C-alpha atoms as a PDB file:
ATOM      1  CA  ARG A   1     -11.280 -30.947 -65.403  1.00  0.00           C
ATOM      2  CA  ASN A   2      -8.687 -29.149 -67.502  1.00  0.00           C
ATOM      3  CA  SER A   3      -7.459 -32.469 -68.907  1.00  0.00           C
ATOM      4  CA  PHE A   4     -10.901 -33.908 -69.553  1.00  0.00           C
ATOM      5  CA  LEU A   5     -12.355 -30.811 -71.201  1.00  0.00           C
ATOM      6  CA  SER A   6      -9.239 -29.962 -73.222  1.00  0.00           C
ATOM      7  CA  GLY A   7      -8.490 -33.552 -74.215  1.00  0.00           C
ATOM      8  CA  ARG A   8      -4.870 -33.112 -73.120  1.00  0.00           C
ATOM      9  CA  ARG A   9      -2.815 -34.578 -70.294  1.00  0.00           C
ATOM     10  CA  PRO A  10      -1.594 -32.385 -67.419  1.00  0.00           C
ATOM     11  CA  GLN A  11       1.948 -32.621 -68.818  1.00  0.00           C
ATOM     12  CA  ARG A  12       0.691 -30.873 -71.965  1.00  0.00           C
ATOM     13  CA  THR A  13      -1.684 -28.357 -70.347  1.00  0.00           C
ATOM     14  CA  GLN A  14       0.776 -27.645 -67.522  1.00  0.00           C
ATOM     15  CA  SER A  15      -2.236 -27.494 -65.175  1.00  0.00           C
ATOM     16  CA  TRP A  16      -1.488 -29.545 -62.079  1.00  0.00           C
ATOM     17  CA  ASN A  17      -3.228 -27.394 -59.494  1.00  0.00           C
ATOM     18  CA  PHE A  18      -5.909 -24.751 -59.045  1.00  0.00           C
ATOM     19  CA  LEU A  19      -3.657 -21.875 -60.060  1.00  0.00           C
ATOM     20  CA  ASN A  20      -3.625 -22.081 -63.849  1.00  0.00           C
ATOM     21  CA  HIS A  21      -5.639 -23.413 -66.779  1.00  0.00           C
ATOM     22  CA  PHE A  22      -5.172 -24.936 -70.227  1.00  0.00           C
ATOM     23  CA  ARG A  23      -5.863 -21.677 -72.145  1.00  0.00           C
ATOM     24  CA  GLU A  24      -2.625 -20.230 -70.754  1.00  0.00           C
ATOM     25  CA  VAL A  25      -0.649 -22.844 -72.717  1.00  0.00           C
ATOM     26  CA  GLY A  26      -3.042 -23.483 -75.601  1.00  0.00           C
ATOM     27  CA  PRO A  27      -5.207 -20.406 -76.177  1.00  0.00           C
ATOM     28  CA  ASN A  28      -6.402 -21.794 -79.517  1.00  0.00           C
ATOM     29  CA  TRP A  29      -7.055 -25.362 -78.368  1.00  0.00           C
ATOM     30  CA  VAL A  30     -10.614 -26.510 -78.895  1.00  0.00           C
ATOM     31  CA  SER A  31     -12.299 -27.778 -75.721  1.00  0.00           C
ATOM     32  CA  LEU A  32     -14.758 -30.673 -75.752  1.00  0.00           C
ATOM     33  CA  PRO A  33     -17.850 -28.459 -75.356  1.00  0.00           C
ATOM     34  CA  GLN A  34     -16.372 -25.971 -77.830  1.00  0.00           C
ATOM     35  CA  TRP A  35     -16.133 -28.724 -80.460  1.00  0.00           C
ATOM     36  CA  PHE A  36     -19.819 -29.514 -80.025  1.00  0.00           C
ATOM     37  CA  LYS A  37     -20.695 -25.825 -80.182  1.00  0.00           C
ATOM     38  CA  GLN A  38     -18.685 -25.426 -83.407  1.00  0.00           C
ATOM     39  CA  HIS A  39     -20.632 -28.331 -84.909  1.00  0.00           C
ATOM     40  CA  ASN A  40     -24.045 -26.733 -84.313  1.00  0.00           C
ATOM     41  CA  TYR A  41     -24.865 -28.384 -80.994  1.00  0.00           C
ATOM     42  CA  THR A  42     -26.077 -26.372 -78.036  1.00  0.00           C
ATOM     43  CA  ALA A  43     -23.402 -26.560 -75.330  1.00  0.00           C
ATOM     44  CA  LEU A  44     -24.744 -25.762 -71.862  1.00  0.00           C
ATOM     45  CA  ALA A  45     -23.157 -26.116 -68.430  1.00  0.00           C
ATOM     46  CA  THR A  46     -23.952 -25.620 -64.773  1.00  0.00           C
ATOM     47  CA  GLY A  47     -21.887 -25.868 -61.603  1.00  0.00           C
ATOM     48  CA  LYS A  48     -18.212 -26.722 -61.348  1.00  0.00           C
ATOM     49  CA  THR A  49     -17.620 -27.792 -64.935  1.00  0.00           C
ATOM     50  CA  TYR A  50     -14.264 -26.042 -64.828  1.00  0.00           C
ATOM     51  CA  HIS A  51     -12.628 -24.940 -61.591  1.00  0.00           C
ATOM     52  CA  PRO A  52     -13.922 -21.490 -60.599  1.00  0.00           C
ATOM     53  CA  ASN A  53     -12.427 -18.886 -62.961  1.00  0.00           C
ATOM     54  CA  LEU A  54      -9.979 -21.383 -64.480  1.00  0.00           C
ATOM     55  CA  PRO A  55     -10.285 -20.584 -67.378  1.00  0.00           C
ATOM     56  CA  PRO A  56     -11.701 -17.126 -66.738  1.00  0.00           C
ATOM     57  CA  ARG A  57     -15.478 -16.730 -67.022  1.00  0.00           C
ATOM     58  CA  TRP A  58     -15.881 -20.549 -67.241  1.00  0.00           C
ATOM     59  CA  ASP A  59     -14.341 -20.356 -70.737  1.00  0.00           C
ATOM     60  CA  GLN A  60     -17.211 -18.315 -72.100  1.00  0.00           C
ATOM     61  CA  PRO A  61     -17.919 -17.564 -74.896  1.00  0.00           C
ATOM     62  CA  LEU A  62     -15.585 -20.185 -76.397  1.00  0.00           C
ATOM     63  CA  SER A  63     -16.954 -23.354 -74.776  1.00  0.00           C
ATOM     64  CA  TRP A  64     -20.593 -22.561 -74.097  1.00  0.00           C
ATOM     65  CA  SER A  65     -23.585 -21.461 -76.141  1.00  0.00           C
ATOM     66  CA  ALA A  66     -24.967 -18.017 -75.417  1.00  0.00           C
ATOM     67  CA  ASP A  67     -28.550 -19.359 -75.355  1.00  0.00           C
ATOM     68  CA  ARG A  68     -28.635 -19.883 -71.596  1.00  0.00           C
ATOM     69  CA  PRO A  69     -26.635 -18.392 -68.717  1.00  0.00           C
ATOM     70  CA  TYR A  70     -23.869 -20.358 -67.057  1.00  0.00           C
ATOM     71  CA  VAL A  71     -24.980 -20.948 -63.458  1.00  0.00           C
ATOM     72  CA  PHE A  72     -22.520 -21.396 -60.630  1.00  0.00           C
ATOM     73  CA  ALA A  73     -23.933 -21.088 -57.128  1.00  0.00           C
ATOM     74  CA  GLU A  74     -21.354 -19.836 -54.676  1.00  0.00           C
ATOM     75  CA  ASN A  75     -23.406 -20.247 -51.490  1.00  0.00           C
ATOM     76  CA  GLY A  76     -21.821 -23.539 -50.554  1.00  0.00           C
ATOM     77  CA  TYR A  77     -23.289 -25.003 -47.385  1.00  0.00           C
ATOM     78  CA  PRO A  78     -24.433 -23.279 -44.208  1.00  0.00           C
ATOM     79  CA  PRO A  79     -22.170 -23.675 -41.182  1.00  0.00           C
ATOM     80  CA  CYS A  80     -23.198 -26.381 -38.761  1.00  0.00           C
ATOM     81  CA  ASP A  81     -24.087 -25.012 -35.341  1.00  0.00           C
ATOM     82  CA  ARG A  82     -24.536 -28.372 -33.655  1.00  0.00           C
ATOM     83  CA  LYS A  83     -21.805 -29.543 -31.291  1.00  0.00           C
ATOM     84  CA  ASP A  84     -22.374 -33.200 -32.224  1.00  0.00           C
ATOM     85  CA  SER A  85     -21.738 -32.645 -35.983  1.00  0.00           C
ATOM     86  CA  LEU A  86     -18.705 -31.713 -38.038  1.00  0.00           C
ATOM     87  CA  GLN A  87     -18.456 -28.093 -39.076  1.00  0.00           C
ATOM     88  CA  ASN A  88     -19.627 -27.522 -42.684  1.00  0.00           C
ATOM     89  CA  SER A  89     -20.932 -31.084 -42.791  1.00  0.00           C
ATOM     90  CA  MET A  90     -23.508 -31.853 -45.454  1.00  0.00           C
ATOM     91  CA  VAL A  91     -25.345 -34.078 -42.977  1.00  0.00           C
ATOM     92  CA  CYS A  92     -25.856 -31.378 -40.356  1.00  0.00           C
ATOM     93  CA  PRO A  93     -29.537 -30.475 -39.816  1.00  0.00           C
ATOM     94  CA  SER A  94     -30.253 -26.949 -40.955  1.00  0.00           C
ATOM     95  CA  ALA A  95     -33.175 -24.547 -40.901  1.00  0.00           C
ATOM     96  CA  HIS A  96     -32.193 -23.165 -44.308  1.00  0.00           C
ATOM     97  CA  PRO A  97     -34.570 -23.935 -47.191  1.00  0.00           C
ATOM     98  CA  ASP A  98     -33.374 -26.288 -49.937  1.00  0.00           C
ATOM     99  CA  SER A  99     -33.041 -23.337 -52.315  1.00  0.00           C
ATOM    100  CA  TRP A 100     -30.218 -21.940 -50.136  1.00  0.00           C
ATOM    101  CA  TYR A 101     -27.884 -24.801 -51.039  1.00  0.00           C
ATOM    102  CA  ALA A 102     -25.574 -24.629 -54.043  1.00  0.00           C
ATOM    103  CA  ASP A 103     -26.611 -28.124 -55.128  1.00  0.00           C
ATOM    104  CA  HIS A 104     -30.249 -27.032 -55.348  1.00  0.00           C
ATOM    105  CA  SER A 105     -29.362 -24.032 -57.517  1.00  0.00           C
ATOM    106  CA  ASP A 106     -27.172 -26.166 -59.780  1.00  0.00           C
ATOM    107  CA  ALA A 107     -29.797 -28.922 -60.066  1.00  0.00           C
ATOM    108  CA  SER A 108     -32.560 -26.419 -60.830  1.00  0.00           C
ATOM    109  CA  ALA A 109     -30.456 -24.757 -63.534  1.00  0.00           C
ATOM    110  CA  THR A 110     -29.560 -28.147 -65.023  1.00  0.00           C
ATOM    111  CA  ILE A 111     -33.218 -29.179 -65.171  1.00  0.00           C
ATOM    112  CA  ALA A 112     -34.075 -25.863 -66.850  1.00  0.00           C
ATOM    113  CA  ASP A 113     -31.263 -26.446 -69.381  1.00  0.00           C
ATOM    114  CA  LEU A 114     -32.543 -29.952 -70.133  1.00  0.00           C
ATOM    115  CA  GLU A 115     -36.072 -28.649 -70.627  1.00  0.00           C
ATOM    116  CA  TYR A 116     -34.700 -25.925 -72.904  1.00  0.00           C
ATOM    117  CA  ALA A 117     -32.638 -28.321 -75.006  1.00  0.00           C
END
């Protein structure tokens, strides 16, 4: 994600893991969404666009427009209580409503962003 959104290879960003981010090496580099924002486009994002807190605060306010909040659901998935399923499996039956899942929150926020734009 650091490479794709910064337009630079890991050798240049020095981001090979989940411990650092491209702004540590290039604080003034323009990210892909930042370029669109600087050219009067609305730049919105939801979910794991960047790795959590890498860059800090999802690179706000540099990369994203202030029009809409950045949504990142941290619920994840409920633990699987069934003995015949893998723990934390996405295919495990659950009594939780769809809205409990991170994917539902991200999809709902993305749809709202698309309707807004």
